[in-house]
All heavy atoms as atom14 arrays in JSON, in Angstrom:
{
  "sequence": "VGAGTVRTGRLGPARLRGDLRARRGGPPAPIVVVSRS",
  "atom14_mask": [
    [1, 1, 1, 1, 1, 1, 1, 0, 0, 0, 0, 0, 0, 0],
    [1, 1, 1, 1, 0, 0, 0, 0, 0, 0, 0, 0, 0, 0],
    [1, 1, 1, 1, 1, 0, 0, 0, 0, 0, 0, 0, 0, 0],
    [1, 1, 1, 1, 0, 0, 0, 0, 0, 0, 0, 0, 0, 0],
    [1, 1, 1, 1, 1, 1, 1, 0, 0, 0, 0, 0, 0, 0],
    [1, 1, 1, 1, 1, 1, 1, 0, 0, 0, 0, 0, 0, 0],
    [1, 1, 1, 1, 1, 1, 1, 1, 1, 1, 1, 0, 0, 0],
    [1, 1, 1, 1, 1, 1, 1, 0, 0, 0, 0, 0, 0, 0],
    [1, 1, 1, 1, 0, 0, 0, 0, 0, 0, 0, 0, 0, 0],
    [1, 1, 1, 1, 1, 1, 1, 1, 1, 1, 1, 0, 0, 0],
    [1, 1, 1, 1, 1, 1, 1, 1, 0, 0, 0, 0, 0, 0],
    [1, 1, 1, 1, 0, 0, 0, 0, 0, 0, 0, 0, 0, 0],
    [1, 1, 1, 1, 1, 1, 1, 0, 0, 0, 0, 0, 0, 0],
    [1, 1, 1, 1, 1, 0, 0, 0, 0, 0, 0, 0, 0, 0],
    [1, 1, 1, 1, 1, 1, 1, 1, 1, 1, 1, 0, 0, 0],
    [1, 1, 1, 1, 1, 1, 1, 1, 0, 0, 0, 0, 0, 0],
    [1, 1, 1, 1, 1, 1, 1, 1, 1, 1, 1, 0, 0, 0],
    [1, 1, 1, 1, 0, 0, 0, 0, 0, 0, 0, 0, 0, 0],
    [1, 1, 1, 1, 1, 1, 1, 1, 0, 0, 0, 0, 0, 0],
    [1, 1, 1, 1, 1, 1, 1, 1, 0, 0, 0, 0, 0, 0],
    [1, 1, 1, 1, 1, 1, 1, 1, 1, 1, 1, 0, 0, 0],
    [1, 1, 1, 1, 1, 0, 0, 0, 0, 0, 0, 0, 0, 0],
    [1, 1, 1, 1, 1, 1, 1, 1, 1, 1, 1, 0, 0, 0],
    [1, 1, 1, 1, 1, 1, 1, 1, 1, 1, 1, 0, 0, 0],
    [1, 1, 1, 1, 0, 0, 0, 0, 0, 0, 0, 0, 0, 0],
    [1, 1, 1, 1, 0, 0, 0, 0, 0, 0, 0, 0, 0, 0],
    [1, 1, 1, 1, 1, 1, 1, 0, 0, 0, 0, 0, 0, 0],
    [1, 1, 1, 1, 1, 1, 1, 0, 0, 0, 0, 0, 0, 0],
    [1, 1, 1, 1, 1, 0, 0, 0, 0, 0, 0, 0, 0, 0],
    [1, 1, 1, 1, 1, 1, 1, 0, 0, 0, 0, 0, 0, 0],
    [1, 1, 1, 1, 1, 1, 1, 1, 0, 0, 0, 0, 0, 0],
    [1, 1, 1, 1, 1, 1, 1, 0, 0, 0, 0, 0, 0, 0],
    [1, 1, 1, 1, 1, 1, 1, 0, 0, 0, 0, 0, 0, 0],
    [1, 1, 1, 1, 1, 1, 1, 0, 0, 0, 0, 0, 0, 0],
    [1, 1, 1, 1, 1, 1, 0, 0, 0, 0, 0, 0, 0, 0],
    [1, 1, 1, 1, 1, 1, 1, 1, 1, 1, 1, 0, 0, 0],
    [1, 1, 1, 1, 1, 1, 0, 0, 0, 0, 0, 0, 0, 0]
  ],
  "atom14_positions": [
    [[107.97, 98.82, 62.31], [107.14, 98.02, 61.35], [107.48, 98.58, 59.93], [107.85, 99.76, 59.77], [105.62, 98.22, 61.59], [105.24, 97.6, 62.94], [105.16, 99.66, 61.44], [0.0, 0.0, 0.0], [0.0, 0.0, 0.0], [0.0, 0.0, 0.0], [0.0, 0.0, 0.0], [0.0, 0.0, 0.0], [0.0, 0.0, 0.0], [0.0, 0.0, 0.0]],
    [[107.43, 97.73, 58.99], [107.67, 98.08, 57.6], [106.49, 98.72, 56.94], [105.29, 98.57, 57.4], [0.0, 0.0, 0.0], [0.0, 0.0, 0.0], [0.0, 0.0, 0.0], [0.0, 0.0, 0.0], [0.0, 0.0, 0.0], [0.0, 0.0, 0.0], [0.0, 0.0, 0.0], [0.0, 0.0, 0.0], [0.0, 0.0, 0.0], [0.0, 0.0, 0.0]],
    [[106.69, 99.36, 55.86], [105.64, 100.17, 55.14], [104.64, 99.23, 54.58], [103.39, 99.54, 54.55], [106.23, 101.03, 54.06], [0.0, 0.0, 0.0], [0.0, 0.0, 0.0], [0.0, 0.0, 0.0], [0.0, 0.0, 0.0], [0.0, 0.0, 0.0], [0.0, 0.0, 0.0], [0.0, 0.0, 0.0], [0.0, 0.0, 0.0], [0.0, 0.0, 0.0]],
    [[105.02, 98.04, 54.17], [104.13, 97.02, 53.55], [103.03, 96.63, 54.67], [101.8, 96.42, 54.3], [0.0, 0.0, 0.0], [0.0, 0.0, 0.0], [0.0, 0.0, 0.0], [0.0, 0.0, 0.0], [0.0, 0.0, 0.0], [0.0, 0.0, 0.0], [0.0, 0.0, 0.0], [0.0, 0.0, 0.0], [0.0, 0.0, 0.0], [0.0, 0.0, 0.0]],
    [[103.44, 96.55, 55.94], [102.51, 96.12, 56.96], [101.52, 97.26, 57.15], [100.24, 97.02, 57.36], [103.25, 95.95, 58.28], [104.13, 94.91, 58.09], [102.28, 95.55, 59.42], [0.0, 0.0, 0.0], [0.0, 0.0, 0.0], [0.0, 0.0, 0.0], [0.0, 0.0, 0.0], [0.0, 0.0, 0.0], [0.0, 0.0, 0.0], [0.0, 0.0, 0.0]],
    [[101.87, 98.49, 57.08], [101.03, 99.67, 57.28], [100.02, 99.72, 56.08], [98.85, 100.0, 56.28], [101.85, 100.98, 57.36], [100.88, 102.24, 57.39], [102.76, 100.87, 58.59], [0.0, 0.0, 0.0], [0.0, 0.0, 0.0], [0.0, 0.0, 0.0], [0.0, 0.0, 0.0], [0.0, 0.0, 0.0], [0.0, 0.0, 0.0], [0.0, 0.0, 0.0]],
    [[100.58, 99.4, 54.9], [99.6, 99.52, 53.68], [98.44, 98.54, 53.72], [97.49, 98.69, 52.92], [100.49, 99.38, 52.4], [101.23, 100.62, 52.1], [101.77, 100.57, 50.6], [103.02, 99.72, 50.51], [104.23, 100.15, 50.68], [104.47, 101.42, 50.97], [105.23, 99.32, 50.6], [0.0, 0.0, 0.0], [0.0, 0.0, 0.0], [0.0, 0.0, 0.0]],
    [[98.54, 97.46, 54.49], [97.44, 96.6, 54.67], [96.22, 97.32, 55.32], [95.1, 96.9, 55.11], [97.74, 95.34, 55.5], [97.96, 95.8, 56.89], [98.97, 94.6, 54.97], [0.0, 0.0, 0.0], [0.0, 0.0, 0.0], [0.0, 0.0, 0.0], [0.0, 0.0, 0.0], [0.0, 0.0, 0.0], [0.0, 0.0, 0.0], [0.0, 0.0, 0.0]],
    [[96.42, 98.37, 55.96], [95.36, 99.1, 56.61], [94.9, 98.49, 57.92], [93.95, 98.98, 58.6], [0.0, 0.0, 0.0], [0.0, 0.0, 0.0], [0.0, 0.0, 0.0], [0.0, 0.0, 0.0], [0.0, 0.0, 0.0], [0.0, 0.0, 0.0], [0.0, 0.0, 0.0], [0.0, 0.0, 0.0], [0.0, 0.0, 0.0], [0.0, 0.0, 0.0]],
    [[95.57, 97.35, 58.35], [95.1, 96.66, 59.47], [95.87, 96.91, 60.79], [95.65, 96.42, 61.89], [95.14, 95.14, 59.26], [94.3, 94.68, 58.01], [94.27, 93.24, 57.74], [93.77, 92.41, 58.83], [93.53, 91.1, 58.71], [93.78, 90.5, 57.55], [93.03, 90.44, 59.72], [0.0, 0.0, 0.0], [0.0, 0.0, 0.0], [0.0, 0.0, 0.0]],
    [[96.86, 97.78, 60.64], [97.75, 98.07, 61.77], [97.34, 99.44, 62.39], [97.32, 100.41, 61.81], [99.26, 98.32, 61.39], [100.19, 98.59, 62.47], [100.35, 97.37, 63.37], [101.51, 99.09, 61.9], [0.0, 0.0, 0.0], [0.0, 0.0, 0.0], [0.0, 0.0, 0.0], [0.0, 0.0, 0.0], [0.0, 0.0, 0.0], [0.0, 0.0, 0.0]],
    [[96.71, 99.36, 63.63], [96.25, 100.53, 64.33], [97.28, 101.02, 65.33], [98.37, 100.47, 65.46], [0.0, 0.0, 0.0], [0.0, 0.0, 0.0], [0.0, 0.0, 0.0], [0.0, 0.0, 0.0], [0.0, 0.0, 0.0], [0.0, 0.0, 0.0], [0.0, 0.0, 0.0], [0.0, 0.0, 0.0], [0.0, 0.0, 0.0], [0.0, 0.0, 0.0]],
    [[97.0, 102.1, 66.01], [97.89, 102.6, 67.04], [98.12, 101.54, 68.13], [97.19, 100.74, 68.45], [97.17, 103.84, 67.63], [96.2, 104.19, 66.54], [95.78, 102.95, 65.91], [0.0, 0.0, 0.0], [0.0, 0.0, 0.0], [0.0, 0.0, 0.0], [0.0, 0.0, 0.0], [0.0, 0.0, 0.0], [0.0, 0.0, 0.0], [0.0, 0.0, 0.0]],
    [[99.22, 101.55, 68.76], [99.55, 100.62, 69.89], [98.68, 101.01, 71.02], [98.44, 102.13, 71.39], [101.01, 100.7, 70.24], [0.0, 0.0, 0.0], [0.0, 0.0, 0.0], [0.0, 0.0, 0.0], [0.0, 0.0, 0.0], [0.0, 0.0, 0.0], [0.0, 0.0, 0.0], [0.0, 0.0, 0.0], [0.0, 0.0, 0.0], [0.0, 0.0, 0.0]],
    [[98.19, 99.94, 71.66], [97.32, 100.14, 72.89], [97.81, 99.12, 73.98], [98.4, 98.11, 73.62], [95.84, 99.93, 72.61], [95.26, 100.98, 71.68], [93.77, 100.75, 71.38], [93.17, 101.84, 70.75], [93.15, 101.93, 69.39], [93.72, 100.96, 68.63], [92.58, 103.05, 68.75], [0.0, 0.0, 0.0], [0.0, 0.0, 0.0], [0.0, 0.0, 0.0]],
    [[97.5, 99.38, 75.23], [98.0, 98.55, 76.22], [96.71, 98.25, 77.16], [96.02, 99.13, 77.51], [99.07, 99.24, 77.16], [100.48, 99.21, 76.69], [101.36, 99.98, 77.63], [100.97, 97.78, 76.46], [0.0, 0.0, 0.0], [0.0, 0.0, 0.0], [0.0, 0.0, 0.0], [0.0, 0.0, 0.0], [0.0, 0.0, 0.0], [0.0, 0.0, 0.0]],
    [[96.67, 97.01, 77.54], [95.67, 96.53, 78.59], [96.03, 97.19, 79.92], [97.3, 97.53, 80.15], [95.53, 95.1, 78.73], [95.04, 94.32, 77.5], [94.95, 92.87, 77.83], [96.02, 92.33, 78.77], [96.36, 91.11, 78.86], [95.77, 90.2, 78.19], [97.28, 90.81, 79.73], [0.0, 0.0, 0.0], [0.0, 0.0, 0.0], [0.0, 0.0, 0.0]],
    [[95.07, 97.38, 80.77], [95.39, 98.02, 82.07], [96.51, 97.38, 82.81], [97.34, 98.07, 83.43], [0.0, 0.0, 0.0], [0.0, 0.0, 0.0], [0.0, 0.0, 0.0], [0.0, 0.0, 0.0], [0.0, 0.0, 0.0], [0.0, 0.0, 0.0], [0.0, 0.0, 0.0], [0.0, 0.0, 0.0], [0.0, 0.0, 0.0], [0.0, 0.0, 0.0]],
    [[96.53, 96.0, 82.91], [97.61, 95.33, 83.71], [98.94, 95.63, 83.09], [99.93, 95.82, 83.82], [97.21, 93.82, 83.81], [97.21, 93.1, 82.47], [96.8, 93.84, 81.52], [97.62, 91.99, 82.38], [0.0, 0.0, 0.0], [0.0, 0.0, 0.0], [0.0, 0.0, 0.0], [0.0, 0.0, 0.0], [0.0, 0.0, 0.0], [0.0, 0.0, 0.0]],
    [[99.07, 95.57, 81.75], [100.36, 95.76, 81.15], [100.76, 97.21, 81.26], [101.92, 97.51, 81.46], [100.4, 95.31, 79.73], [100.33, 93.77, 79.45], [100.11, 93.48, 77.96], [101.54, 93.18, 80.03], [0.0, 0.0, 0.0], [0.0, 0.0, 0.0], [0.0, 0.0, 0.0], [0.0, 0.0, 0.0], [0.0, 0.0, 0.0], [0.0, 0.0, 0.0]],
    [[99.79, 98.16, 81.22], [100.11, 99.56, 81.32], [100.7, 99.8, 82.72], [101.6, 100.58, 82.94], [98.89, 100.45, 81.12], [99.1, 101.92, 81.23], [97.76, 102.7, 81.09], [97.3, 102.63, 79.72], [97.59, 103.53, 78.84], [98.22, 104.61, 79.15], [97.03, 103.5, 77.62], [0.0, 0.0, 0.0], [0.0, 0.0, 0.0], [0.0, 0.0, 0.0]],
    [[100.09, 99.21, 83.77], [100.54, 99.31, 85.08], [101.98, 98.8, 85.27], [102.83, 99.5, 85.9], [99.6, 98.69, 86.1], [0.0, 0.0, 0.0], [0.0, 0.0, 0.0], [0.0, 0.0, 0.0], [0.0, 0.0, 0.0], [0.0, 0.0, 0.0], [0.0, 0.0, 0.0], [0.0, 0.0, 0.0], [0.0, 0.0, 0.0], [0.0, 0.0, 0.0]],
    [[102.27, 97.7, 84.7], [103.57, 97.03, 84.82], [104.62, 97.84, 83.99], [105.78, 98.03, 84.39], [103.56, 95.61, 84.29], [102.64, 94.76, 85.15], [102.68, 93.3, 84.76], [103.85, 92.62, 85.21], [103.92, 91.24, 85.16], [103.06, 90.54, 84.64], [105.07, 90.68, 85.67], [0.0, 0.0, 0.0], [0.0, 0.0, 0.0], [0.0, 0.0, 0.0]],
    [[104.24, 98.43, 82.85], [105.19, 99.23, 82.05], [105.3, 100.52, 82.74], [106.48, 101.16, 82.65], [104.49, 99.45, 80.64], [105.31, 100.42, 79.74], [104.64, 100.58, 78.41], [105.24, 101.6, 77.58], [106.34, 101.31, 76.9], [106.94, 100.14, 76.82], [106.87, 102.4, 76.14], [0.0, 0.0, 0.0], [0.0, 0.0, 0.0], [0.0, 0.0, 0.0]],
    [[104.33, 101.03, 83.47], [104.47, 102.36, 84.16], [104.25, 103.57, 83.27], [104.75, 104.6, 83.57], [0.0, 0.0, 0.0], [0.0, 0.0, 0.0], [0.0, 0.0, 0.0], [0.0, 0.0, 0.0], [0.0, 0.0, 0.0], [0.0, 0.0, 0.0], [0.0, 0.0, 0.0], [0.0, 0.0, 0.0], [0.0, 0.0, 0.0], [0.0, 0.0, 0.0]],
    [[103.49, 103.37, 82.2], [103.3, 104.5, 81.34], [102.51, 104.1, 80.05], [102.05, 102.98, 79.89], [0.0, 0.0, 0.0], [0.0, 0.0, 0.0], [0.0, 0.0, 0.0], [0.0, 0.0, 0.0], [0.0, 0.0, 0.0], [0.0, 0.0, 0.0], [0.0, 0.0, 0.0], [0.0, 0.0, 0.0], [0.0, 0.0, 0.0], [0.0, 0.0, 0.0]],
    [[102.37, 105.08, 79.13], [101.56, 104.82, 77.89], [102.35, 103.83, 76.98], [103.5, 103.44, 77.19], [101.54, 106.19, 77.25], [102.7, 106.92, 77.82], [102.92, 106.47, 79.21], [0.0, 0.0, 0.0], [0.0, 0.0, 0.0], [0.0, 0.0, 0.0], [0.0, 0.0, 0.0], [0.0, 0.0, 0.0], [0.0, 0.0, 0.0], [0.0, 0.0, 0.0]],
    [[101.69, 103.38, 75.95], [102.25, 102.35, 75.05], [103.43, 102.93, 74.28], [103.57, 104.22, 74.14], [101.1, 101.99, 74.1], [100.17, 103.12, 74.18], [100.26, 103.67, 75.64], [0.0, 0.0, 0.0], [0.0, 0.0, 0.0], [0.0, 0.0, 0.0], [0.0, 0.0, 0.0], [0.0, 0.0, 0.0], [0.0, 0.0, 0.0], [0.0, 0.0, 0.0]],
    [[104.23, 102.08, 73.82], [105.35, 102.48, 72.92], [104.82, 102.97, 71.57], [103.79, 102.54, 71.1], [106.3, 101.29, 72.65], [0.0, 0.0, 0.0], [0.0, 0.0, 0.0], [0.0, 0.0, 0.0], [0.0, 0.0, 0.0], [0.0, 0.0, 0.0], [0.0, 0.0, 0.0], [0.0, 0.0, 0.0], [0.0, 0.0, 0.0], [0.0, 0.0, 0.0]],
    [[105.58, 103.93, 70.95], [105.08, 104.41, 69.68], [105.35, 103.41, 68.6], [106.39, 102.61, 68.61], [105.98, 105.68, 69.45], [107.27, 105.32, 70.23], [106.81, 104.53, 71.43], [0.0, 0.0, 0.0], [0.0, 0.0, 0.0], [0.0, 0.0, 0.0], [0.0, 0.0, 0.0], [0.0, 0.0, 0.0], [0.0, 0.0, 0.0], [0.0, 0.0, 0.0]],
    [[104.51, 103.43, 67.53], [104.83, 102.7, 66.33], [105.82, 103.55, 65.42], [105.68, 104.72, 65.32], [103.55, 102.36, 65.5], [102.51, 101.59, 66.31], [103.9, 101.68, 64.17], [102.98, 100.15, 66.57], [0.0, 0.0, 0.0], [0.0, 0.0, 0.0], [0.0, 0.0, 0.0], [0.0, 0.0, 0.0], [0.0, 0.0, 0.0], [0.0, 0.0, 0.0]],
    [[106.87, 102.9, 64.97], [107.82, 103.51, 64.1], [107.75, 102.94, 62.71], [108.07, 101.76, 62.52], [109.26, 103.4, 64.64], [110.27, 104.06, 63.68], [109.42, 104.07, 66.08], [0.0, 0.0, 0.0], [0.0, 0.0, 0.0], [0.0, 0.0, 0.0], [0.0, 0.0, 0.0], [0.0, 0.0, 0.0], [0.0, 0.0, 0.0], [0.0, 0.0, 0.0]],
    [[107.23, 103.69, 61.7], [107.02, 103.2, 60.43], [108.26, 103.44, 59.56], [108.63, 104.66, 59.47], [105.78, 103.89, 59.74], [105.55, 103.27, 58.33], [104.56, 103.61, 60.56], [0.0, 0.0, 0.0], [0.0, 0.0, 0.0], [0.0, 0.0, 0.0], [0.0, 0.0, 0.0], [0.0, 0.0, 0.0], [0.0, 0.0, 0.0], [0.0, 0.0, 0.0]],
    [[108.85, 102.45, 58.96], [110.06, 102.6, 58.16], [109.58, 102.5, 56.72], [109.1, 101.55, 56.21], [111.06, 101.54, 58.38], [112.33, 101.71, 57.58], [111.43, 101.48, 59.95], [0.0, 0.0, 0.0], [0.0, 0.0, 0.0], [0.0, 0.0, 0.0], [0.0, 0.0, 0.0], [0.0, 0.0, 0.0], [0.0, 0.0, 0.0], [0.0, 0.0, 0.0]],
    [[109.81, 103.56, 55.93], [109.39, 103.66, 54.6], [110.29, 104.57, 53.73], [110.53, 105.69, 54.09], [108.01, 104.27, 54.48], [107.59, 104.42, 53.09], [0.0, 0.0, 0.0], [0.0, 0.0, 0.0], [0.0, 0.0, 0.0], [0.0, 0.0, 0.0], [0.0, 0.0, 0.0], [0.0, 0.0, 0.0], [0.0, 0.0, 0.0], [0.0, 0.0, 0.0]],
    [[110.85, 103.97, 52.68], [111.66, 104.75, 51.74], [110.84, 105.64, 50.81], [111.11, 106.81, 50.59], [112.53, 103.85, 50.95], [113.42, 104.51, 49.91], [114.12, 103.49, 49.07], [113.31, 102.6, 48.33], [113.64, 101.57, 47.66], [114.98, 101.28, 47.52], [112.84, 100.8, 47.0], [0.0, 0.0, 0.0], [0.0, 0.0, 0.0], [0.0, 0.0, 0.0]],
    [[109.73, 105.09, 50.31], [108.96, 105.79, 49.28], [107.9, 106.69, 49.85], [107.38, 107.59, 49.16], [108.27, 104.75, 48.37], [107.22, 104.0, 49.15], [0.0, 0.0, 0.0], [0.0, 0.0, 0.0], [0.0, 0.0, 0.0], [0.0, 0.0, 0.0], [0.0, 0.0, 0.0], [0.0, 0.0, 0.0], [0.0, 0.0, 0.0], [0.0, 0.0, 0.0]]
  ]
}
């Protein structure tokens, strides 16, 4: 995600519903924030 998206304050940590967690076989993927400044 870009830094502008993060600066809105509306982007929280990634979460997974139980069914998707089971199919994924583990915890959610990390958010990677791309920011130059």
